[in-house]
C-alpha atoms as a PDB file:
ATOM      1  CA  MET A   1     135.021 130.473  67.410  1.00  0.00           C
ATOM      2  CA  LEU A   2     134.145 133.865  69.505  1.00  0.00           C
ATOM      3  CA  THR A   3     131.143 133.870  71.737  1.00  0.00           C
ATOM      4  CA  THR A   4     129.328 137.259  72.352  1.00  0.00           C
ATOM      5  CA  PHE A   5     128.574 138.311  75.743  1.00  0.00           C
ATOM      6  CA  LYS A   6     126.044 141.096  76.401  1.00  0.00           C
ATOM      7  CA  ALA A   7     125.104 143.491  79.074  1.00  0.00           C
ATOM      8  CA  THR A   8     123.050 146.677  79.761  1.00  0.00           C
ATOM      9  CA  ALA A   9     123.553 149.261  82.454  1.00  0.00           C
ATOM     10  CA  LYS A  10     120.836 151.960  83.209  1.00  0.00           C
ATOM     11  CA  LYS A  11     121.452 154.991  85.327  1.00  0.00           C
ATOM     12  CA  LEU A  12     118.256 154.754  87.866  1.00  0.00           C
ATOM     13  CA  PRO A  13     116.827 158.159  89.300  1.00  0.00           C
ATOM     14  CA  ASN A  14     118.219 157.900  92.709  1.00  0.00           C
ATOM     15  CA  GLY A  15     121.719 159.481  92.815  1.00  0.00           C
ATOM     16  CA  LEU A  16     124.514 157.641  91.120  1.00  0.00           C
ATOM     17  CA  GLN A  17     122.722 154.152  91.186  1.00  0.00           C
ATOM     18  CA  VAL A  18     123.003 151.963  88.292  1.00  0.00           C
ATOM     19  CA  GLU A  19     121.192 148.630  87.340  1.00  0.00           C
ATOM     20  CA  THR A  20     123.270 146.291  85.307  1.00  0.00           C
ATOM     21  CA  ASN A  21     121.941 143.261  83.812  1.00  0.00           C
ATOM     22  CA  SER A  22     123.249 140.359  81.700  1.00  0.00           C
ATOM     23  CA  ARG A  23     121.405 137.062  81.071  1.00  0.00           C
ATOM     24  CA  GLY A  24     118.651 138.527  83.317  1.00  0.00           C
ATOM     25  CA  PHE A  25     120.873 138.827  86.267  1.00  0.00           C
ATOM     26  CA  LYS A  26     120.646 141.956  87.689  1.00  0.00           C
ATOM     27  CA  ILE A  27     123.262 144.074  89.821  1.00  0.00           C
ATOM     28  CA  LEU A  28     122.808 147.320  91.637  1.00  0.00           C
ATOM     29  CA  MET A  29     125.739 149.488  91.612  1.00  0.00           C
ATOM     30  CA  ASP A  30     126.246 152.942  93.102  1.00  0.00           C
ATOM     31  CA  GLU A  31     129.061 155.273  94.811  1.00  0.00           C
ATOM     32  CA  PRO A  32     129.989 155.646  98.081  1.00  0.00           C
ATOM     33  CA  GLU A  33     128.367 158.842  99.695  1.00  0.00           C
ATOM     34  CA  ASP A  34     132.204 160.445  99.971  1.00  0.00           C
ATOM     35  CA  PHE A  35     131.706 160.068  95.804  1.00  0.00           C
ATOM     36  CA  GLY A  36     128.204 161.257  95.539  1.00  0.00           C
ATOM     37  CA  GLY A  37     126.226 158.254  95.756  1.00  0.00           C
ATOM     38  CA  THR A  38     123.632 156.734  98.185  1.00  0.00           C
ATOM     39  CA  ASN A  39     125.898 153.518  99.048  1.00  0.00           C
ATOM     40  CA  THR A  40     123.401 151.032  98.083  1.00  0.00           C
ATOM     41  CA  GLY A  41     125.741 149.097  95.780  1.00  0.00           C
ATOM     42  CA  MET A  42     129.240 148.471  95.291  1.00  0.00           C
ATOM     43  CA  SER A  43     130.997 151.012  93.001  1.00  0.00           C
ATOM     44  CA  PRO A  44     132.004 149.593  89.085  1.00  0.00           C
ATOM     45  CA  VAL A  45     135.681 149.728  90.167  1.00  0.00           C
ATOM     46  CA  GLU A  46     134.816 147.418  93.184  1.00  0.00           C
ATOM     47  CA  ALA A  47     132.583 145.417  90.595  1.00  0.00           C
ATOM     48  CA  LEU A  48     135.800 145.153  88.638  1.00  0.00           C
ATOM     49  CA  LEU A  49     138.070 143.634  91.649  1.00  0.00           C
ATOM     50  CA  CYS A  50     135.134 141.122  92.210  1.00  0.00           C
ATOM     51  CA  ALA A  51     134.811 139.965  88.850  1.00  0.00           C
ATOM     52  CA  LEU A  52     138.807 139.327  88.910  1.00  0.00           C
ATOM     53  CA  GLY A  53     138.615 137.533  92.095  1.00  0.00           C
ATOM     54  CA  ALA A  54     135.429 135.653  90.712  1.00  0.00           C
ATOM     55  CA  CYS A  55     137.270 134.847  87.310  1.00  0.00           C
ATOM     56  CA  GLN A  56     140.287 133.466  89.135  1.00  0.00           C
ATOM     57  CA  SER A  57     137.954 131.500  91.642  1.00  0.00           C
ATOM     58  CA  ILE A  58     136.059 129.931  88.799  1.00  0.00           C
ATOM     59  CA  VAL A  59     139.186 128.883  86.791  1.00  0.00           C
ATOM     60  CA  ALA A  60     140.624 127.213  89.846  1.00  0.00           C
ATOM     61  CA  GLY A  61     137.560 125.066  90.397  1.00  0.00           C
ATOM     62  CA  ALA A  62     137.248 124.424  86.647  1.00  0.00           C
ATOM     63  CA  PHE A  63     141.115 123.121  86.264  1.00  0.00           C
ATOM     64  CA  ALA A  64     142.090 121.830  89.751  1.00  0.00           C
ATOM     65  CA  GLU A  65     141.426 118.592  88.805  1.00  0.00           C
ATOM     66  CA  ALA A  66     143.256 118.679  85.168  1.00  0.00           C
ATOM     67  CA  ASN A  67     146.188 120.193  86.767  1.00  0.00           C
ATOM     68  CA  GLU A  68     146.166 117.125  89.561  1.00  0.00           C
ATOM     69  CA  PHE A  69     145.498 120.017  92.003  1.00  0.00           C
ATOM     70  CA  THR A  70     143.419 119.151  95.192  1.00  0.00           C
ATOM     71  CA  TYR A  71     142.216 122.220  97.684  1.00  0.00           C
ATOM     72  CA  GLU A  72     139.482 122.208 100.303  1.00  0.00           C
ATOM     73  CA  GLU A  73     138.831 126.187 100.160  1.00  0.00           C
ATOM     74  CA  PHE A  74     140.142 128.883  97.479  1.00  0.00           C
ATOM     75  CA  TYR A  75     139.826 132.570  97.789  1.00  0.00           C
ATOM     76  CA  VAL A  76     141.123 135.928  96.661  1.00  0.00           C
ATOM     77  CA  GLU A  77     142.022 138.949  98.633  1.00  0.00           C
ATOM     78  CA  LEU A  78     142.030 141.836  96.211  1.00  0.00           C
ATOM     79  CA  GLU A  79     142.954 145.755  96.352  1.00  0.00           C
ATOM     80  CA  GLY A  80     143.527 148.242  93.648  1.00  0.00           C
ATOM     81  CA  ASP A  81     144.709 151.894  93.867  1.00  0.00           C
ATOM     82  CA  LEU A  82     142.727 154.594  92.260  1.00  0.00           C
ATOM     83  CA  ASP A  83     143.194 158.489  92.480  1.00  0.00           C
ATOM     84  CA  PRO A  84     139.862 159.667  92.183  1.00  0.00           C
ATOM     85  CA  ASP A  85     141.094 163.383  91.108  1.00  0.00           C
ATOM     86  CA  GLY A  86     141.581 161.764  87.863  1.00  0.00           C
ATOM     87  CA  PHE A  87     138.128 161.024  86.935  1.00  0.00           C
ATOM     88  CA  MET A  88     136.945 164.146  88.656  1.00  0.00           C
ATOM     89  CA  GLY A  89     138.837 166.308  86.815  1.00  0.00           C
ATOM     90  CA  PHE A  90     140.851 167.658  89.460  1.00  0.00           C
ATOM     91  CA  ALA A  91     144.363 166.328  88.399  1.00  0.00           C
ATOM     92  CA  ASP A  92     146.142 165.063  85.235  1.00  0.00           C
ATOM     93  CA  VAL A  93     146.629 161.277  86.574  1.00  0.00           C
ATOM     94  CA  ARG A  94     144.781 158.042  85.073  1.00  0.00           C
ATOM     95  CA  ASN A  95     141.195 157.542  85.368  1.00  0.00           C
ATOM     96  CA  GLY A  96     141.147 154.232  86.324  1.00  0.00           C
ATOM     97  CA  PHE A  97     143.201 151.591  88.633  1.00  0.00           C
ATOM     98  CA  GLN A  98     146.835 152.258  88.673  1.00  0.00           C
ATOM     99  CA  GLU A  99     147.854 148.971  90.288  1.00  0.00           C
ATOM    100  CA  ILE A 100     145.644 146.112  91.217  1.00  0.00           C
ATOM    101  CA  ARG A 101     147.271 143.378  93.788  1.00  0.00           C
ATOM    102  CA  PHE A 102     145.562 140.341  94.686  1.00  0.00           C
ATOM    103  CA  VAL A 103     146.732 137.217  97.332  1.00  0.00           C
ATOM    104  CA  MET A 104     145.429 133.994  96.312  1.00  0.00           C
ATOM    105  CA  HIS A 105     144.537 131.616  99.460  1.00  0.00           C
ATOM    106  CA  PHE A 106     144.285 127.836  99.180  1.00  0.00           C
ATOM    107  CA  LYS A 107     143.741 125.294 102.045  1.00  0.00           C
ATOM    108  CA  THR A 108     145.218 122.550 100.541  1.00  0.00           C
ATOM    109  CA  ASN A 109     147.942 119.842 101.544  1.00  0.00           C
ATOM    110  CA  GLU A 110     149.899 120.441  98.173  1.00  0.00           C
ATOM    111  CA  SER A 111     153.249 121.766  98.192  1.00  0.00           C
ATOM    112  CA  GLN A 112     153.946 125.405  98.336  1.00  0.00           C
ATOM    113  CA  GLU A 113     155.734 124.735  94.622  1.00  0.00           C
ATOM    114  CA  LYS A 114     152.823 123.192  93.679  1.00  0.00           C
ATOM    115  CA  ALA A 115     150.582 125.736  94.925  1.00  0.00           C
ATOM    116  CA  GLU A 116     152.471 128.539  93.258  1.00  0.00           C
ATOM    117  CA  ALA A 117     152.382 126.900  89.908  1.00  0.00           C
ATOM    118  CA  PHE A 118     148.745 126.177  89.889  1.00  0.00           C
ATOM    119  CA  ALA A 119     148.342 129.789  90.958  1.00  0.00           C
ATOM    120  CA  GLU A 120     150.218 130.858  88.025  1.00  0.00           C
ATOM    121  CA  PHE A 121     148.219 128.911  85.633  1.00  0.00           C
ATOM    122  CA  ILE A 122     145.117 130.606  87.126  1.00  0.00           C
ATOM    123  CA  GLU A 123     146.632 133.814  86.429  1.00  0.00           C
ATOM    124  CA  LYS A 124     147.667 133.075  82.859  1.00  0.00           C
ATOM    125  CA  THR A 125     144.088 131.245  82.073  1.00  0.00           C
ATOM    126  CA  CYS A 126     141.589 133.885  83.502  1.00  0.00           C
ATOM    127  CA  PRO A 127     139.844 135.925  80.907  1.00  0.00           C
ATOM    128  CA  VAL A 128     139.450 138.885  83.331  1.00  0.00           C
ATOM    129  CA  GLY A 129     142.712 138.982  84.347  1.00  0.00           C
ATOM    130  CA  ASP A 130     143.907 138.829  80.483  1.00  0.00           C
ATOM    131  CA  CYS A 131     141.602 141.723  79.675  1.00  0.00           C
ATOM    132  CA  LEU A 132     143.109 143.679  82.581  1.00  0.00           C
ATOM    133  CA  ALA A 133     146.739 142.817  82.280  1.00  0.00           C
ATOM    134  CA  ASN A 134     146.869 143.301  77.976  1.00  0.00           C
ATOM    135  CA  GLY A 135     144.156 145.895  77.750  1.00  0.00           C
ATOM    136  CA  VAL A 136     141.013 145.377  75.470  1.00  0.00           C
ATOM    137  CA  LYS A 137     139.867 146.857  72.330  1.00  0.00           C
ATOM    138  CA  MET A 138     137.056 149.478  73.320  1.00  0.00           C
ATOM    139  CA  VAL A 139     134.387 150.331  70.269  1.00  0.00           C
ATOM    140  CA  LYS A 140     131.691 152.586  70.810  1.00  0.00           C
ATOM    141  CA  ALA A 141     129.042 151.229  68.463  1.00  0.00           C
ATOM    142  CA  GLY A 142     126.968 154.151  68.466  1.00  0.00           C
ATOM    143  CA  VAL A 143     124.770 156.936  70.184  1.00  0.00           C
ATOM    144  CA  VAL A 144     121.205 156.288  70.092  1.00  0.00           C
ATOM    145  CA  ARG A 145     118.805 159.660  71.261  1.00  0.00           C
ATOM    146  CA  HIS A 146     115.057 158.774  72.210  1.00  0.00           C
END
């Protein structure tokens, strides 16, 4: 059975600031000053990296016991390569990330083999990672003029 998640994003008057909202939780996004923003929040692509790391961390926490894997601490370092000339229209290059890299860190007494197997489980189970790795159908459901 499908579950529908909803969110809104509203452009604010200051620079490139955007207020995003889902289930009453708000995140202010912006761009660095170098890209015309006011640097008051992370950019959407930075938030995407954070969403991937958060999803992987949630999967680790939710499924460690079922996978008989114990750890004291888990975190993910992420980085992505993006050429802003693409979305700025200066070059014929992809608008989004060309590559995302991440390193999972476990503070654990488990073996390296077991940590690598659990990391592989996390990768294949993470919904955000699945969307990024396999794409997702994007549907513009309309344009409303007020």
